[in-house]
Amino acid sequence: MEQVAHDRAKKEKSPFQNPPGHSVADEETEWFQSFLLLLFRSLKNHPPLLLDIVKNLGDIVNPLSQPGIYKSNSGTIRLGGLMSSIAGISIVAYPQMRLKTH
């Protein structure tokens, strides 16, 4: 994140503000790529957070399907339940993978 901030500051100081071929779409893509890189690094460095996210994504499929907010078939609901169960079993089997809250 610091590297991205440093690169942006360096670009802002350059005498050429808008080089040829530069567009707003490039800036949006750059921001999104930076966000995805930061997210990937954060999850890679904090496996308990990744496991908790996987468990919660598996858990949310069924409640969204019941009232019709998100249409999904029974296979998707079962896959979500399976993912959530495996993540929950992993947390019980390896207590160090439990997400610690303060």
C-alpha atoms as a PDB file:
ATOM      1  CA  MET A   1       0.000   0.000   0.000  1.00  0.00           C
ATOM      2  CA  GLU A   2       2.883   2.314   0.816  1.00  0.00           C
ATOM      3  CA  GLN A   3       4.474   1.504  -2.541  1.00  0.00           C
ATOM      4  CA  VAL A   4       1.264   2.425  -4.387  1.00  0.00           C
ATOM      5  CA  ALA A   5       1.034   5.704  -2.457  1.00  0.00           C
ATOM      6  CA  HIS A   6       4.696   6.447  -3.238  1.00  0.00           C
ATOM      7  CA  ASP A   7       4.174   5.724  -6.943  1.00  0.00           C
ATOM      8  CA  ARG A   8       1.108   7.973  -7.081  1.00  0.00           C
ATOM      9  CA  ALA A   9       2.971  10.822  -5.370  1.00  0.00           C
ATOM     10  CA  LYS A  10       5.816  10.376  -7.838  1.00  0.00           C
ATOM     11  CA  LYS A  11       3.387  10.529 -10.781  1.00  0.00           C
ATOM     12  CA  GLU A  12       1.731  13.688  -9.416  1.00  0.00           C
ATOM     13  CA  LYS A  13       5.104  15.437  -9.186  1.00  0.00           C
ATOM     14  CA  SER A  14       6.043  14.588 -12.766  1.00  0.00           C
ATOM     15  CA  PRO A  15       5.816  17.462 -15.277  1.00  0.00           C
ATOM     16  CA  PHE A  16       3.658  15.370 -17.623  1.00  0.00           C
ATOM     17  CA  GLN A  17       0.274  15.170 -15.905  1.00  0.00           C
ATOM     18  CA  ASN A  18      -1.545  13.323 -18.665  1.00  0.00           C
ATOM     19  CA  PRO A  19       0.809  11.299 -20.849  1.00  0.00           C
ATOM     20  CA  PRO A  20      -0.427  10.199 -24.282  1.00  0.00           C
ATOM     21  CA  GLY A  21      -2.837   7.297 -24.065  1.00  0.00           C
ATOM     22  CA  HIS A  22      -3.817   8.055 -20.449  1.00  0.00           C
ATOM     23  CA  SER A  23      -7.513   7.844 -19.618  1.00  0.00           C
ATOM     24  CA  VAL A  24      -9.845   7.804 -16.644  1.00  0.00           C
ATOM     25  CA  ALA A  25     -10.498   4.110 -17.269  1.00  0.00           C
ATOM     26  CA  ASP A  26      -6.808   3.424 -16.627  1.00  0.00           C
ATOM     27  CA  GLU A  27      -7.072   5.141 -13.245  1.00  0.00           C
ATOM     28  CA  GLU A  28     -10.137   3.090 -12.306  1.00  0.00           C
ATOM     29  CA  THR A  29      -8.437  -0.129 -13.364  1.00  0.00           C
ATOM     30  CA  GLU A  30      -5.295   0.817 -11.431  1.00  0.00           C
ATOM     31  CA  TRP A  31      -7.336   1.520  -8.290  1.00  0.00           C
ATOM     32  CA  PHE A  32      -9.186  -1.795  -8.599  1.00  0.00           C
ATOM     33  CA  GLN A  33      -5.951  -3.723  -9.152  1.00  0.00           C
ATOM     34  CA  SER A  34      -4.410  -2.040  -6.106  1.00  0.00           C
ATOM     35  CA  PHE A  35      -7.461  -2.948  -4.043  1.00  0.00           C
ATOM     36  CA  LEU A  36      -7.359  -6.596  -5.159  1.00  0.00           C
ATOM     37  CA  LEU A  37      -3.631  -6.804  -4.457  1.00  0.00           C
ATOM     38  CA  LEU A  38      -4.101  -5.373  -0.971  1.00  0.00           C
ATOM     39  CA  LEU A  39      -6.988  -7.770  -0.320  1.00  0.00           C
ATOM     40  CA  PHE A  40      -4.969 -10.757  -1.546  1.00  0.00           C
ATOM     41  CA  ARG A  41      -1.959  -9.831   0.600  1.00  0.00           C
ATOM     42  CA  SER A  42      -4.137  -9.262   3.671  1.00  0.00           C
ATOM     43  CA  LEU A  43      -5.869 -12.615   3.318  1.00  0.00           C
ATOM     44  CA  LYS A  44      -2.569 -14.376   2.608  1.00  0.00           C
ATOM     45  CA  ASN A  45      -1.042 -12.931   5.778  1.00  0.00           C
ATOM     46  CA  HIS A  46      -4.114 -13.681   7.923  1.00  0.00           C
ATOM     47  CA  PRO A  47      -5.413 -17.224   7.217  1.00  0.00           C
ATOM     48  CA  PRO A  48      -7.997 -17.100  10.052  1.00  0.00           C
ATOM     49  CA  LEU A  49      -9.646 -14.145   8.311  1.00  0.00           C
ATOM     50  CA  LEU A  50      -9.748 -16.030   4.999  1.00  0.00           C
ATOM     51  CA  LEU A  51     -11.282 -19.075   6.700  1.00  0.00           C
ATOM     52  CA  ASP A  52     -13.913 -16.915   8.405  1.00  0.00           C
ATOM     53  CA  ILE A  53     -14.822 -15.216   5.113  1.00  0.00           C
ATOM     54  CA  VAL A  54     -15.197 -18.586   3.365  1.00  0.00           C
ATOM     55  CA  LYS A  55     -17.396 -19.838   6.203  1.00  0.00           C
ATOM     56  CA  ASN A  56     -19.595 -16.739   6.130  1.00  0.00           C
ATOM     57  CA  LEU A  57     -19.956 -16.826   2.324  1.00  0.00           C
ATOM     58  CA  GLY A  58     -21.104 -20.440   2.595  1.00  0.00           C
ATOM     59  CA  ASP A  59     -23.572 -19.508   5.343  1.00  0.00           C
ATOM     60  CA  ILE A  60     -25.173 -16.589   3.499  1.00  0.00           C
ATOM     61  CA  VAL A  61     -26.329 -18.571   0.447  1.00  0.00           C
ATOM     62  CA  ASN A  62     -29.323 -20.246   2.123  1.00  0.00           C
ATOM     63  CA  PRO A  63     -30.836 -17.151   3.851  1.00  0.00           C
ATOM     64  CA  LEU A  64     -30.654 -15.176   0.601  1.00  0.00           C
ATOM     65  CA  SER A  65     -32.308 -17.983  -1.336  1.00  0.00           C
ATOM     66  CA  GLN A  66     -35.261 -18.574   0.996  1.00  0.00           C
ATOM     67  CA  PRO A  67     -37.070 -15.217   0.540  1.00  0.00           C
ATOM     68  CA  GLY A  68     -36.116 -15.068  -3.136  1.00  0.00           C
ATOM     69  CA  ILE A  69     -33.515 -12.302  -2.890  1.00  0.00           C
ATOM     70  CA  TYR A  70     -30.977 -14.454  -4.722  1.00  0.00           C
ATOM     71  CA  LYS A  71     -32.274 -17.280  -6.857  1.00  0.00           C
ATOM     72  CA  SER A  72     -30.136 -20.382  -6.469  1.00  0.00           C
ATOM     73  CA  ASN A  73     -30.693 -24.063  -7.018  1.00  0.00           C
ATOM     74  CA  SER A  74     -30.383 -26.778  -4.397  1.00  0.00           C
ATOM     75  CA  GLY A  75     -26.865 -27.696  -5.552  1.00  0.00           C
ATOM     76  CA  THR A  76     -25.614 -24.187  -4.808  1.00  0.00           C
ATOM     77  CA  ILE A  77     -27.215 -24.236  -1.378  1.00  0.00           C
ATOM     78  CA  ARG A  78     -25.654 -27.620  -0.632  1.00  0.00           C
ATOM     79  CA  LEU A  79     -22.233 -26.459  -1.819  1.00  0.00           C
ATOM     80  CA  GLY A  80     -22.482 -23.402   0.445  1.00  0.00           C
ATOM     81  CA  GLY A  81     -23.428 -25.607   3.376  1.00  0.00           C
ATOM     82  CA  LEU A  82     -20.549 -27.969   2.629  1.00  0.00           C
ATOM     83  CA  MET A  83     -18.058 -25.080   2.449  1.00  0.00           C
ATOM     84  CA  SER A  84     -19.333 -23.664   5.721  1.00  0.00           C
ATOM     85  CA  SER A  85     -19.196 -27.050   7.443  1.00  0.00           C
ATOM     86  CA  ILE A  86     -15.648 -27.788   6.288  1.00  0.00           C
ATOM     87  CA  ALA A  87     -14.499 -24.345   7.428  1.00  0.00           C
ATOM     88  CA  GLY A  88     -16.220 -24.841  10.799  1.00  0.00           C
ATOM     89  CA  ILE A  89     -14.627 -28.266  11.267  1.00  0.00           C
ATOM     90  CA  SER A  90     -11.241 -26.760  10.398  1.00  0.00           C
ATOM     91  CA  ILE A  91     -11.672 -24.129  13.092  1.00  0.00           C
ATOM     92  CA  VAL A  92     -12.551 -26.801  15.686  1.00  0.00           C
ATOM     93  CA  ALA A  93      -9.662 -29.052  14.605  1.00  0.00           C
ATOM     94  CA  TYR A  94      -7.132 -26.197  14.554  1.00  0.00           C
ATOM     95  CA  PRO A  95      -7.990 -23.646  17.297  1.00  0.00           C
ATOM     96  CA  GLN A  96      -5.177 -21.332  16.142  1.00  0.00           C
ATOM     97  CA  MET A  97      -7.270 -20.726  12.987  1.00  0.00           C
ATOM     98  CA  ARG A  98     -10.063 -19.144  15.046  1.00  0.00           C
ATOM     99  CA  LEU A  99     -10.540 -15.465  14.243  1.00  0.00           C
ATOM    100  CA  LYS A 100      -9.589 -13.510  17.349  1.00  0.00           C
ATOM    101  CA  THR A 101     -11.697 -10.471  18.200  1.00  0.00           C
ATOM    102  CA  HIS A 102     -10.757  -7.941  20.826  1.00  0.00           C
END
